[in-house]
Amino acid sequence: MGARWPPGWSGTGRIEGATGLICPWRFGYNPNVIRVVTRVLFIAALVLVSSHGSVALAQTTEADVYVAQAVLDFDEKRYDQALANLRRALELEPDHVEALYFTGAVYAAQRRPDLAAPFLERARAKSPQDTSIAFQLGLVYFAQQEFEKAEKIFEPLFKTSPELDGLGYYVGFLRYRKKDYRGALAAFRGGRSADPELQQLTRFYTGLALGVLGLPGQAAAEVEQALRLAPGSQLTGPAERLRDTIVASRQKERRFFLETRLGATHDDNVIVRPTENFRETLVPDLRRHKHESVGELFGLTTNYVWWRTTDWESSIGYSFFTTYVNEIPKFNVISNLFSADVTSKTTVFQLPLQTNLQYAWDILLLGDEELLTRHNVALSSVLVESAHHFTQGFVRYQAKNFAEPVNPRPVPDELRDADNYMAGFLHFIRFAEDKHFIKAGYQFDWEDTEGRNYSYQGSRYSLGGQYTLPWHAIRLKYDVDLHLRSYTYKNTILPSYAPGSKWREDQEITNIVRAELPLPGNFTLSAEYQNSRVFSNVELFDYTRNVVSLILSWSY
């Protein structure tokens, strides 16, 4: 099978549409051509000024004359004669850089990259800083589909000379092959080319990269530009199909999502009884109550995208969750949550960015009585830095309204209605197409309560990861969370032996270990263990809790 030649390469040693050889400089000239032509003119001058002939000829070798003639033959496409002159030059001077370079160029023009490469490699070894030689050699490797060799030449060249005609396309193509879509975008947009075919290919692959990165609107626009650049080219058919596919797939993306969960649990501290302590007299009384139970859980989550364009979408959602605690039913939990959001997709500094604004309202019941309602407004953004890294940043406001008992009504310092403000980030490092990942994040939150005893400022540190086993695609997950809370005022009620003497300080550590087994029919079987440990200098809030769950979920 013959070598595949780089797009835009005519096989004559020129890039179509460019004025110079394969590696035209900014003004369209190749430095090797300039050197050789200058010497040809210099020799002609010697004939006219014979009195200076001996001095001039001492600076111009016989090999230079053969190379000069070979360049003329090359330009007239007399490749065999050019090779004959270049052989004579190399017989005289085996390391003549121009002779080596143009020998490689002639073989490249004859579409014989296997013969071109050795001469260009020797030329580059003699003149490693010559960008023209490097680019020509990279194109020969590219034509032979020796992409790793081409990459080793093109990448450093792109850092120093991104303006080289066509270089951005080749670098972008090689990055795209390696699924470095963000890097490919940077190369496509950072390069330039005077060749319409390369311009069209650059737009085409830019559209492909944007599509993979989840930006269908911009992807379709790039493909449309590719069509306008060369409407009658061989790429027109594939480009039209790609554009139509992007638009159609965006319109046909599933709008409705549904997930149900059914499971069993064992909780060893349902009532959150405090750790054993003999100084606080309230602790022994609370520890006498029944605290351990098995139970069942059920969850339902649904979401519907009611409006969608290429770069925007909006959805509404509902979530229901309940637990039944067999031994202590007054601690049954029922939660209902309603949400609406709008999402935009764009790029910032060539990096894909997705921004979401969400409003949610939920109501939580404990037993059969209302415990809490909340209004939530959250703004979050996800920035994809590379194929392996992305970062989520978020801010949230939450208004909490507790259903306080009327009789007896809590003392004012114990009222828990609050405004909560939170801001933070979470960074992911992904591997093996998201089969494995590591994540780490930080959040700051401030809870401003109506009662003085519950106002605090907190810092939350999180770390986690996932590893997918090679057997049955089992996903192993681990998350650890540290929440530090410093309360603003001294607690006016606790500890009971010294009210008003302590600023409450909590350290809450949560460890979650989870294994997920994907099953046929969109089912997933999960086993989870959660350990919560809260250290508090106010004894009543110091506790340990362990929950084990087995959950079967189904999604549509």
Protein backbone atom coordinates (compact mmCIF):
# COMPACT_ATOMS: atom_id res chain seq x y z
CA MET A 1 0.00 0.00 0.00
CA GLY A 2 1.37 3.40 -0.93
CA ALA A 3 1.99 6.11 1.61
CA ARG A 4 -0.82 8.53 2.40
CA TRP A 5 0.36 12.01 1.61
CA PRO A 6 -0.38 14.89 3.94
CA PRO A 7 -3.52 16.82 3.00
CA GLY A 8 -2.66 19.81 0.85
CA TRP A 9 0.59 18.27 -0.43
CA SER A 10 0.63 18.00 -4.20
CA GLY A 11 3.56 15.60 -4.32
CA THR A 12 5.66 18.15 -6.20
CA GLY A 13 7.45 19.31 -3.10
CA ARG A 14 5.10 22.27 -2.63
CA ILE A 15 2.10 22.96 -0.48
CA GLU A 16 -0.69 23.91 -2.85
CA GLY A 17 -1.50 27.59 -2.64
CA ALA A 18 1.81 28.51 -1.01
CA THR A 19 4.55 30.41 -2.80
CA GLY A 20 7.53 28.57 -1.38
CA LEU A 21 8.61 24.99 -0.89
CA ILE A 22 7.11 22.61 1.63
CA CYS A 23 8.08 24.80 4.54
CA PRO A 24 7.35 28.36 3.39
CA TRP A 25 8.33 31.12 5.75
CA ARG A 26 6.19 34.11 6.56
CA PHE A 27 7.03 35.76 3.22
CA GLY A 28 6.66 32.53 1.25
CA TYR A 29 10.35 31.72 0.75
CA ASN A 30 12.49 28.80 1.82
CA PRO A 31 15.87 29.77 3.35
CA ASN A 32 17.69 26.97 1.50
CA VAL A 33 16.40 28.28 -1.82
CA ILE A 34 17.60 31.76 -0.92
CA ARG A 35 21.10 30.47 -0.12
CA VAL A 36 21.43 28.44 -3.33
CA VAL A 37 19.98 31.06 -5.65
CA THR A 38 22.26 33.64 -4.08
CA ARG A 39 25.25 31.45 -4.90
CA VAL A 40 24.07 30.98 -8.49
CA LEU A 41 23.89 34.74 -8.91
CA PHE A 42 27.28 35.07 -7.28
CA ILE A 43 28.83 32.64 -9.77
CA ALA A 44 27.31 34.61 -12.63
CA ALA A 45 28.89 37.73 -11.20
CA LEU A 46 32.26 35.97 -11.23
CA VAL A 47 32.09 35.55 -14.97
CA LEU A 48 31.52 39.27 -15.41
CA VAL A 49 34.20 40.29 -12.92
CA SER A 50 37.02 37.91 -13.78
CA SER A 51 39.62 39.89 -11.92
CA HIS A 52 38.11 38.74 -8.65
CA GLY A 53 37.44 35.17 -9.79
CA SER A 54 40.14 33.43 -7.78
CA VAL A 55 38.96 34.96 -4.54
CA ALA A 56 35.26 34.28 -5.14
CA LEU A 57 35.70 30.73 -6.33
CA ALA A 58 37.54 29.94 -3.14
CA GLN A 59 34.26 30.59 -1.33
CA THR A 60 31.98 28.68 -3.72
CA THR A 61 32.53 24.94 -4.14
CA GLU A 62 31.88 22.75 -7.16
CA ALA A 63 29.21 20.94 -5.13
CA ASP A 64 27.34 24.24 -4.79
CA VAL A 65 27.20 24.53 -8.57
CA TYR A 66 25.64 21.06 -8.90
CA VAL A 67 23.10 21.89 -6.19
CA ALA A 68 22.22 25.15 -7.94
CA GLN A 69 21.59 23.28 -11.20
CA ALA A 70 19.56 20.66 -9.31
CA VAL A 71 17.33 23.39 -7.88
CA LEU A 72 16.61 24.64 -11.39
CA ASP A 73 15.83 21.07 -12.52
CA PHE A 74 13.63 20.58 -9.46
CA ASP A 75 11.68 23.72 -10.20
CA GLU A 76 11.07 22.48 -13.76
CA LYS A 77 10.07 19.05 -12.40
CA ARG A 78 13.04 17.35 -14.10
CA TYR A 79 13.45 15.10 -11.08
CA ASP A 80 15.86 12.53 -12.58
CA GLN A 81 18.25 15.26 -13.74
CA ALA A 82 17.96 16.96 -10.35
CA LEU A 83 18.86 13.71 -8.59
CA ALA A 84 21.84 13.19 -10.93
CA ASN A 85 23.24 16.63 -10.09
CA LEU A 86 22.61 16.11 -6.38
CA ARG A 87 24.45 12.76 -6.48
CA ARG A 88 27.46 14.50 -8.02
CA ALA A 89 27.31 17.15 -5.30
CA LEU A 90 27.21 14.52 -2.56
CA GLU A 91 30.08 12.60 -4.14
CA LEU A 92 32.14 15.76 -3.79
CA GLU A 93 30.77 16.75 -0.36
CA PRO A 94 28.88 13.90 1.38
CA ASP A 95 27.71 16.24 4.17
CA HIS A 96 26.55 19.08 1.94
CA VAL A 97 23.36 20.20 3.78
CA GLU A 98 21.58 21.69 0.75
CA ALA A 99 22.34 18.62 -1.36
CA LEU A 100 20.95 16.34 1.34
CA TYR A 101 17.88 18.51 1.81
CA PHE A 102 16.99 18.77 -1.88
CA THR A 103 17.63 15.07 -2.45
CA GLY A 104 15.00 14.40 0.18
CA ALA A 105 12.71 17.02 -1.37
CA VAL A 106 13.01 15.45 -4.83
CA TYR A 107 12.23 11.97 -3.51
CA ALA A 108 9.28 13.45 -1.61
CA ALA A 109 8.05 15.07 -4.83
CA GLN A 110 8.24 11.64 -6.46
CA ARG A 111 6.15 10.25 -3.59
CA ARG A 112 8.97 8.05 -2.36
CA PRO A 113 9.10 9.01 1.34
CA ASP A 114 11.06 5.90 2.26
CA LEU A 115 13.96 7.23 0.15
CA ALA A 116 13.42 10.85 1.20
CA ALA A 117 13.60 10.26 4.95
CA PRO A 118 17.29 9.14 5.22
CA PHE A 119 18.57 12.21 3.35
CA LEU A 120 16.41 14.59 5.36
CA GLU A 121 17.50 12.93 8.59
CA ARG A 122 21.15 13.46 7.64
CA ALA A 123 20.43 17.06 6.68
CA ARG A 124 18.72 17.68 10.00
CA ALA A 125 21.61 16.11 11.89
CA LYS A 126 23.95 18.62 10.20
CA SER A 127 21.59 21.58 10.63
CA PRO A 128 19.30 20.82 13.59
CA GLN A 129 18.05 24.42 13.92
CA ASP A 130 16.82 24.68 10.33
CA THR A 131 13.01 24.77 10.57
CA SER A 132 12.64 24.12 6.84
CA ILE A 133 14.47 20.80 7.05
CA ALA A 134 12.61 19.82 10.21
CA PHE A 135 9.19 20.57 8.73
CA GLN A 136 9.99 18.69 5.50
CA LEU A 137 11.14 15.66 7.50
CA GLY A 138 8.03 15.81 9.67
CA LEU A 139 5.82 15.80 6.58
CA VAL A 140 7.66 12.77 5.23
CA TYR A 141 7.09 10.92 8.51
CA PHE A 142 3.44 12.02 8.42
CA ALA A 143 3.09 10.67 4.86
CA GLN A 144 4.49 7.33 6.04
CA GLN A 145 2.01 7.35 8.95
CA GLU A 146 4.91 7.34 11.39
CA PHE A 147 2.94 9.72 13.56
CA GLU A 148 5.08 9.45 16.69
CA LYS A 149 8.18 10.53 14.76
CA ALA A 150 6.24 13.36 13.13
CA GLU A 151 4.93 14.49 16.52
CA LYS A 152 8.45 14.70 17.99
CA ILE A 153 9.34 17.15 15.23
CA PHE A 154 6.11 19.12 14.90
CA GLU A 155 5.44 19.78 18.60
CA PRO A 156 8.74 21.62 19.36
CA LEU A 157 8.48 23.38 16.00
CA PHE A 158 4.96 24.59 16.83
CA LYS A 159 6.18 26.10 20.10
CA THR A 160 8.85 28.18 18.36
CA SER A 161 7.32 28.79 14.92
CA PRO A 162 3.52 28.40 15.06
CA GLU A 163 3.17 30.70 12.05
CA LEU A 164 4.66 28.12 9.65
CA ASP A 165 2.11 27.54 6.93
CA GLY A 166 0.07 24.41 7.66
CA LEU A 167 1.93 23.42 10.83
CA GLY A 168 -1.05 24.10 13.09
CA TYR A 169 -3.19 21.62 11.16
CA TYR A 170 -0.66 18.79 11.41
CA VAL A 171 -0.07 19.36 15.13
CA GLY A 172 -3.82 19.54 15.73
CA PHE A 173 -4.45 16.36 13.75
CA LEU A 174 -1.83 14.45 15.75
CA ARG A 175 -3.28 15.68 19.04
CA TYR A 176 -6.77 14.76 17.89
CA ARG A 177 -5.57 11.21 17.15
CA LYS A 178 -4.39 10.95 20.77
CA LYS A 179 -7.78 12.24 22.02
CA ASP A 180 -6.23 15.45 23.30
CA TYR A 181 -9.16 17.44 21.97
CA ARG A 182 -8.44 20.63 23.87
CA GLY A 183 -4.82 20.58 22.66
CA ALA A 184 -6.04 19.94 19.13
CA LEU A 185 -8.29 23.00 19.32
CA ALA A 186 -5.37 25.15 20.48
CA ALA A 187 -3.25 23.99 17.53
CA PHE A 188 -6.01 24.39 14.94
CA ARG A 189 -6.74 27.91 16.15
CA GLY A 190 -3.12 28.89 16.72
CA GLY A 191 -1.84 27.90 13.28
CA ARG A 192 -2.36 29.42 9.85
CA SER A 193 -2.44 28.28 6.25
CA ALA A 194 -2.82 29.87 2.84
CA ASP A 195 -4.04 26.58 1.37
CA PRO A 196 -7.87 26.35 1.06
CA GLU A 197 -7.79 22.57 1.48
CA LEU A 198 -5.84 22.79 4.73
CA GLN A 199 -8.12 25.59 5.90
CA GLN A 200 -11.13 23.38 5.23
CA LEU A 201 -9.59 20.38 6.96
CA THR A 202 -8.70 22.54 9.95
CA ARG A 203 -12.29 23.72 10.27
CA PHE A 204 -13.58 20.17 9.84
CA TYR A 205 -11.42 18.70 12.60
CA THR A 206 -12.09 21.72 14.82
CA GLY A 207 -15.78 20.85 14.52
CA LEU A 208 -15.08 17.21 15.40
CA ALA A 209 -13.09 18.23 18.49
CA LEU A 210 -15.79 20.65 19.65
CA GLY A 211 -18.42 17.97 19.17
CA VAL A 212 -16.49 15.50 21.32
CA LEU A 213 -16.12 18.18 24.00
CA GLY A 214 -19.89 18.60 24.14
CA LEU A 215 -20.20 21.90 22.26
CA PRO A 216 -22.52 20.99 19.37
CA GLY A 217 -23.44 24.58 18.50
CA GLN A 218 -19.86 25.66 17.93
CA ALA A 219 -19.08 22.34 16.26
CA ALA A 220 -21.84 22.83 13.69
CA ALA A 221 -20.66 26.41 13.05
CA GLU A 222 -17.10 25.23 12.34
CA VAL A 223 -18.28 22.54 9.94
CA GLU A 224 -20.47 25.11 8.19
CA GLN A 225 -17.39 27.31 7.73
CA ALA A 226 -15.53 24.31 6.30
CA LEU A 227 -18.26 23.91 3.69
CA ARG A 228 -18.09 27.57 2.71
CA LEU A 229 -14.32 27.50 2.23
CA ALA A 230 -14.43 24.90 -0.54
CA PRO A 231 -18.02 23.96 -1.48
CA GLY A 232 -16.99 21.56 -4.24
CA SER A 233 -14.15 19.70 -2.52
CA GLN A 234 -14.04 16.00 -1.73
CA LEU A 235 -14.67 16.90 1.90
CA THR A 236 -18.02 18.53 1.15
CA GLY A 237 -20.08 15.34 1.42
CA PRO A 238 -18.60 14.16 4.75
CA ALA A 239 -18.77 17.70 6.15
CA GLU A 240 -22.45 18.06 5.27
CA ARG A 241 -23.24 14.70 6.85
CA LEU A 242 -21.29 15.64 9.98
CA ARG A 243 -23.08 18.97 10.28
CA ASP A 244 -26.49 17.37 9.85
CA THR A 245 -25.59 14.61 12.32
CA ILE A 246 -24.49 17.12 14.97
CA VAL A 247 -27.70 19.11 14.66
CA ALA A 248 -29.94 16.04 14.50
CA SER A 249 -28.25 14.27 17.41
CA ARG A 250 -28.58 17.38 19.55
CA GLN A 251 -32.27 17.59 18.75
CA LYS A 252 -32.78 13.87 19.38
CA GLU A 253 -30.84 13.70 22.64
CA ARG A 254 -32.93 12.07 25.30
CA ARG A 255 -35.01 14.65 27.09
CA PHE A 256 -36.43 12.48 29.84
CA PHE A 257 -34.44 10.84 32.63
CA LEU A 258 -35.78 8.49 35.29
CA GLU A 259 -34.03 6.57 38.05
CA THR A 260 -35.49 4.44 40.82
CA ARG A 261 -33.72 2.96 43.84
CA LEU A 262 -34.84 0.25 46.23
CA GLY A 263 -32.72 -0.99 49.08
CA ALA A 264 -32.21 -2.28 52.59
CA THR A 265 -30.16 -0.64 55.35
CA HIS A 266 -28.75 -1.23 58.78
CA ASP A 267 -28.13 1.85 60.94
CA ASP A 268 -26.43 1.51 64.33
CA ASN A 269 -27.27 5.06 65.47
CA VAL A 270 -30.62 6.14 64.05
CA ILE A 271 -31.29 8.68 66.80
CA VAL A 272 -27.73 10.08 66.70
CA ARG A 273 -27.12 9.28 70.34
CA PRO A 274 -23.99 10.92 71.77
CA THR A 275 -20.77 9.15 72.62
CA GLU A 276 -20.57 7.83 76.16
CA ASN A 277 -19.60 10.61 78.57
CA PHE A 278 -19.95 10.86 82.35
CA ARG A 279 -19.47 14.58 82.76
CA GLU A 280 -22.54 15.69 80.78
CA THR A 281 -25.57 14.43 82.73
CA LEU A 282 -27.86 14.51 79.66
CA VAL A 283 -25.78 11.93 77.78
CA PRO A 284 -26.64 8.80 79.84
CA ASP A 285 -30.35 9.53 79.49
CA LEU A 286 -30.13 9.86 75.69
CA ARG A 287 -28.04 6.72 75.40
CA ARG A 288 -30.76 4.61 77.05
CA HIS A 289 -33.09 5.00 74.07
CA LYS A 290 -33.27 2.43 71.29
CA HIS A 291 -30.85 3.49 68.59
CA GLU A 292 -30.21 0.58 66.18
CA SER A 293 -32.46 -0.71 63.41
CA VAL A 294 -32.71 -2.26 59.99
CA GLY A 295 -34.82 -0.51 57.40
CA GLU A 296 -35.79 -0.05 53.79
CA LEU A 297 -35.33 2.82 51.41
CA PHE A 298 -36.90 3.93 48.17
CA GLY A 299 -35.92 6.75 45.84
CA LEU A 300 -37.21 8.23 42.61
CA THR A 301 -35.47 10.88 40.50
CA THR A 302 -36.84 12.29 37.28
CA ASN A 303 -35.77 15.12 35.00
CA TYR A 304 -37.19 16.53 31.77
CA VAL A 305 -35.40 18.86 29.34
CA TRP A 306 -38.24 21.04 28.10
CA TRP A 307 -36.14 23.50 26.05
CA ARG A 308 -32.95 22.85 24.10
CA THR A 309 -30.83 24.66 21.52
CA THR A 310 -27.31 23.91 20.34
CA ASP A 311 -25.74 25.84 23.24
CA TRP A 312 -28.53 26.13 25.82
CA GLU A 313 -30.98 23.88 27.59
CA SER A 314 -33.40 24.08 30.48
CA SER A 315 -34.96 21.32 32.54
CA ILE A 316 -37.33 20.66 35.41
CA GLY A 317 -36.95 17.85 37.91
CA TYR A 318 -38.48 16.05 40.85
CA SER A 319 -36.90 13.79 43.45
CA PHE A 320 -38.53 11.64 46.12
CA PHE A 321 -36.70 9.74 48.84
CA THR A 322 -37.92 7.85 51.88
CA THR A 323 -36.58 5.50 54.51
CA TYR A 324 -38.56 3.24 56.80
CA VAL A 325 -36.88 2.47 60.11
CA ASN A 326 -38.43 -0.79 61.27
CA GLU A 327 -37.59 -0.55 64.97
CA ILE A 328 -37.99 3.22 65.41
CA PRO A 329 -40.65 4.37 62.90
CA LYS A 330 -40.84 7.88 64.33
CA PHE A 331 -37.48 8.45 62.62
CA ASN A 332 -38.79 7.60 59.16
CA VAL A 333 -37.67 10.19 56.63
CA ILE A 334 -39.64 11.48 53.63
CA SER A 335 -38.12 14.03 51.25
CA ASN A 336 -39.65 15.77 48.23
CA LEU A 337 -37.56 18.06 46.03
CA PHE A 338 -38.61 20.15 43.01
CA SER A 339 -36.04 21.85 40.77
CA ALA A 340 -35.62 23.95 37.63
CA ASP A 341 -32.39 24.89 35.91
CA VAL A 342 -30.82 26.40 32.81
CA THR A 343 -27.45 25.39 31.33
CA SER A 344 -25.18 27.01 28.75
CA LYS A 345 -22.22 25.53 26.88
CA THR A 346 -19.41 27.68 25.51
CA THR A 347 -15.61 28.04 25.54
CA VAL A 348 -13.26 30.31 27.47
CA PHE A 349 -9.69 30.66 26.17
CA GLN A 350 -10.42 27.64 23.95
CA LEU A 351 -11.47 25.58 27.01
CA PRO A 352 -14.98 24.07 27.12
CA LEU A 353 -17.11 25.68 29.82
CA GLN A 354 -20.55 24.60 31.02
CA THR A 355 -22.49 26.87 33.38
CA ASN A 356 -25.65 25.92 35.27
CA LEU A 357 -28.10 28.02 37.29
CA GLN A 358 -30.55 26.04 39.44
CA TYR A 359 -33.40 26.75 41.81
CA ALA A 360 -34.69 23.99 44.09
CA TRP A 361 -37.26 23.71 46.86
CA ASP A 362 -37.55 20.73 49.15
CA ILE A 363 -39.57 19.64 52.15
CA LEU A 364 -38.36 17.09 54.69
CA LEU A 365 -40.63 15.11 57.01
CA LEU A 366 -39.48 13.22 60.10
CA GLY A 367 -42.00 10.60 61.10
CA ASP A 368 -45.29 12.07 59.95
CA GLU A 369 -44.46 15.67 60.79
CA GLU A 370 -42.83 18.41 58.78
CA LEU A 371 -39.28 19.08 59.91
CA LEU A 372 -37.76 21.47 57.40
CA THR A 373 -38.28 23.32 54.11
CA ARG A 374 -35.47 24.84 52.06
CA HIS A 375 -35.07 27.22 49.14
CA ASN A 376 -31.83 26.73 47.19
CA VAL A 377 -30.26 28.88 44.47
CA ALA A 378 -26.98 27.52 43.04
CA LEU A 379 -24.64 28.67 40.29
CA SER A 380 -21.99 26.22 39.09
CA SER A 381 -19.51 26.02 36.23
CA VAL A 382 -17.43 23.15 34.87
CA LEU A 383 -14.21 24.02 33.03
CA VAL A 384 -12.53 21.24 31.02
CA GLU A 385 -8.81 21.99 31.12
CA SER A 386 -7.74 18.88 29.22
CA ALA A 387 -8.76 15.34 28.37
CA HIS A 388 -7.81 14.30 31.92
CA HIS A 389 -8.62 17.36 34.02
CA PHE A 390 -11.74 19.36 34.73
CA THR A 391 -12.75 21.67 37.57
CA GLN A 392 -16.15 22.52 38.98
CA GLY A 393 -16.71 25.78 40.83
CA PHE A 394 -19.95 26.62 42.63
CA VAL A 395 -21.74 29.07 44.90
CA ARG A 396 -25.04 28.47 46.67
CA TYR A 397 -27.55 30.30 48.81
CA GLN A 398 -29.94 28.30 50.98
CA ALA A 399 -32.83 29.52 53.14
CA LYS A 400 -33.82 27.04 55.86
CA ASN A 401 -37.16 27.14 57.62
CA PHE A 402 -37.63 24.68 60.48
CA ALA A 403 -41.09 23.69 61.66
CA GLU A 404 -40.56 24.61 65.29
CA PRO A 405 -42.95 23.14 67.86
CA VAL A 406 -45.57 25.56 69.14
CA ASN A 407 -45.88 24.15 72.63
CA PRO A 408 -43.43 24.41 74.16
CA ARG A 409 -41.79 26.92 71.81
CA PRO A 410 -37.97 26.78 71.80
CA VAL A 411 -36.06 29.50 73.55
CA PRO A 412 -34.91 32.20 71.08
CA ASP A 413 -31.26 31.07 71.11
CA GLU A 414 -32.33 27.59 69.91
CA LEU A 415 -34.24 28.74 66.80
CA ARG A 416 -32.61 27.09 63.77
CA ASP A 417 -34.12 29.01 60.84
CA ALA A 418 -31.11 30.11 58.84
CA ASP A 419 -29.51 31.57 55.75
CA ASN A 420 -26.63 29.42 54.52
CA TYR A 421 -23.98 30.64 52.08
CA MET A 422 -21.54 28.27 50.43
CA ALA A 423 -18.75 28.51 47.83
CA GLY A 424 -16.20 25.97 46.71
CA PHE A 425 -14.55 23.94 43.97
CA LEU A 426 -13.95 20.31 43.03
CA HIS A 427 -11.17 19.14 40.71
CA PHE A 428 -11.22 15.82 38.85
CA ILE A 429 -8.35 13.89 37.29
CA ARG A 430 -9.68 11.24 34.91
CA PHE A 431 -8.05 8.13 33.47
CA ALA A 432 -8.96 5.46 30.92
CA GLU A 433 -11.96 7.35 29.53
CA ASP A 434 -13.46 7.99 32.98
CA LYS A 435 -13.14 4.43 34.21
CA HIS A 436 -10.90 5.74 36.96
CA PHE A 437 -10.71 9.16 38.56
CA ILE A 438 -9.41 11.09 41.55
CA LYS A 439 -11.17 14.15 42.93
CA ALA A 440 -10.36 16.74 45.56
CA GLY A 441 -12.18 19.86 46.66
CA TYR A 442 -12.81 22.55 49.22
CA GLN A 443 -15.93 24.42 50.40
CA PHE A 444 -16.48 27.34 52.70
CA ASP A 445 -19.91 27.71 54.28
CA TRP A 446 -21.47 30.21 56.65
CA GLU A 447 -24.72 29.53 58.47
CA ASP A 448 -26.45 32.57 59.89
CA THR A 449 -29.24 31.32 62.16
CA GLU A 450 -32.00 33.13 63.98
CA GLY A 451 -30.89 31.54 67.23
CA ARG A 452 -27.37 32.30 68.42
CA ASN A 453 -26.52 28.70 69.33
CA TYR A 454 -26.40 27.38 65.75
CA SER A 455 -24.57 30.09 63.77
CA TYR A 456 -21.21 28.91 62.46
CA GLN A 457 -18.51 29.26 59.83
CA GLY A 458 -17.21 26.05 58.30
CA SER A 459 -14.59 24.59 56.00
CA ARG A 460 -15.12 21.32 54.19
CA TYR A 461 -12.30 19.29 52.61
CA SER A 462 -13.13 16.37 50.34
CA LEU A 463 -11.12 13.66 48.63
CA GLY A 464 -12.30 10.67 46.64
CA GLY A 465 -11.79 8.39 43.72
CA GLN A 466 -13.06 5.56 41.58
CA TYR A 467 -11.36 2.48 40.18
CA THR A 468 -13.08 0.22 37.67
CA LEU A 469 -12.10 -3.43 37.87
CA PRO A 470 -11.44 -5.39 34.68
CA TRP A 471 -14.04 -7.96 35.77
CA HIS A 472 -17.69 -7.16 35.03
CA ALA A 473 -16.87 -3.40 35.04
CA ILE A 474 -17.26 -3.31 38.83
CA ARG A 475 -16.72 0.24 40.11
CA LEU A 476 -15.03 0.72 43.48
CA LYS A 477 -15.47 4.16 45.04
CA TYR A 478 -14.13 5.84 48.14
CA ASP A 479 -14.88 9.30 49.52
CA VAL A 480 -13.67 11.02 52.65
CA ASP A 481 -15.02 14.34 53.86
CA LEU A 482 -13.82 16.57 56.70
CA HIS A 483 -16.16 19.35 57.83
CA LEU A 484 -14.80 21.79 60.41
CA ARG A 485 -17.36 24.05 62.08
CA SER A 486 -16.59 26.93 64.41
CA TYR A 487 -19.69 28.37 66.06
CA THR A 488 -19.98 32.12 66.30
CA TYR A 489 -21.33 32.48 69.84
CA LYS A 490 -21.01 30.68 73.13
CA ASN A 491 -23.75 28.12 73.60
CA THR A 492 -26.18 29.52 76.14
CA ILE A 493 -27.63 26.13 77.16
CA LEU A 494 -24.89 23.52 76.83
CA PRO A 495 -23.01 21.97 78.41
CA SER A 496 -25.56 21.65 81.16
CA TYR A 497 -22.87 21.81 83.83
CA ALA A 498 -21.53 25.16 82.54
CA PRO A 499 -23.97 26.99 80.21
CA GLY A 500 -22.52 29.90 78.25
CA SER A 501 -18.92 28.81 78.83
CA LYS A 502 -18.00 27.27 75.43
CA TRP A 503 -17.80 28.21 71.81
CA ARG A 504 -18.82 24.98 70.13
CA GLU A 505 -16.23 23.38 67.81
CA ASP A 506 -17.12 20.36 65.62
CA GLN A 507 -14.96 18.12 63.46
CA GLU A 508 -17.09 15.82 61.32
CA ILE A 509 -15.34 13.05 59.37
CA THR A 510 -17.34 10.97 56.90
CA ASN A 511 -15.96 7.91 55.11
CA ILE A 512 -17.95 6.21 52.34
CA VAL A 513 -16.92 2.97 50.63
CA ARG A 514 -19.07 1.82 47.72
CA ALA A 515 -19.02 -0.98 45.14
CA GLU A 516 -21.25 -0.89 42.05
CA LEU A 517 -22.00 -3.80 39.74
CA PRO A 518 -23.65 -2.90 36.41
CA LEU A 519 -26.34 -5.41 35.43
CA PRO A 520 -28.24 -6.01 32.19
CA GLY A 521 -31.27 -3.86 31.47
CA ASN A 522 -29.85 -0.62 32.97
CA PHE A 523 -29.84 -2.07 36.48
CA THR A 524 -27.04 -1.47 38.99
CA LEU A 525 -26.46 -3.29 42.27
CA SER A 526 -24.63 -1.24 44.90
CA ALA A 527 -23.22 -2.03 48.33
CA GLU A 528 -22.24 0.89 50.54
CA TYR A 529 -20.73 1.45 53.96
CA GLN A 530 -20.80 4.90 55.56
CA ASN A 531 -19.05 5.88 58.75
CA SER A 532 -19.64 9.27 60.38
CA ARG A 533 -17.61 10.46 63.32
CA VAL A 534 -18.23 13.85 64.91
CA PHE A 535 -15.83 15.18 67.51
CA SER A 536 -17.30 18.07 69.49
CA ASN A 537 -16.25 19.97 72.59
CA VAL A 538 -19.95 20.08 73.53
CA GLU A 539 -20.53 16.49 74.57
CA LEU A 540 -24.12 16.21 73.41
CA PHE A 541 -23.03 16.63 69.75
CA ASP A 542 -20.19 14.08 69.85
CA TYR A 543 -21.25 10.80 68.21
CA THR A 544 -20.41 7.89 65.89
CA ARG A 545 -22.71 6.40 63.26
CA ASN A 546 -22.36 3.45 60.87
CA VAL A 547 -24.79 2.70 58.04
CA VAL A 548 -24.65 -0.28 55.67
CA SER A 549 -26.84 -0.31 52.55
CA LEU A 550 -27.61 -2.67 49.68
CA ILE A 551 -29.37 -0.88 46.80
CA LEU A 552 -30.75 -1.96 43.44
CA SER A 553 -31.26 0.91 41.00
CA TRP A 554 -32.69 1.19 37.50
CA SER A 555 -32.33 4.10 35.12
CA TYR A 556 -33.96 5.15 31.88
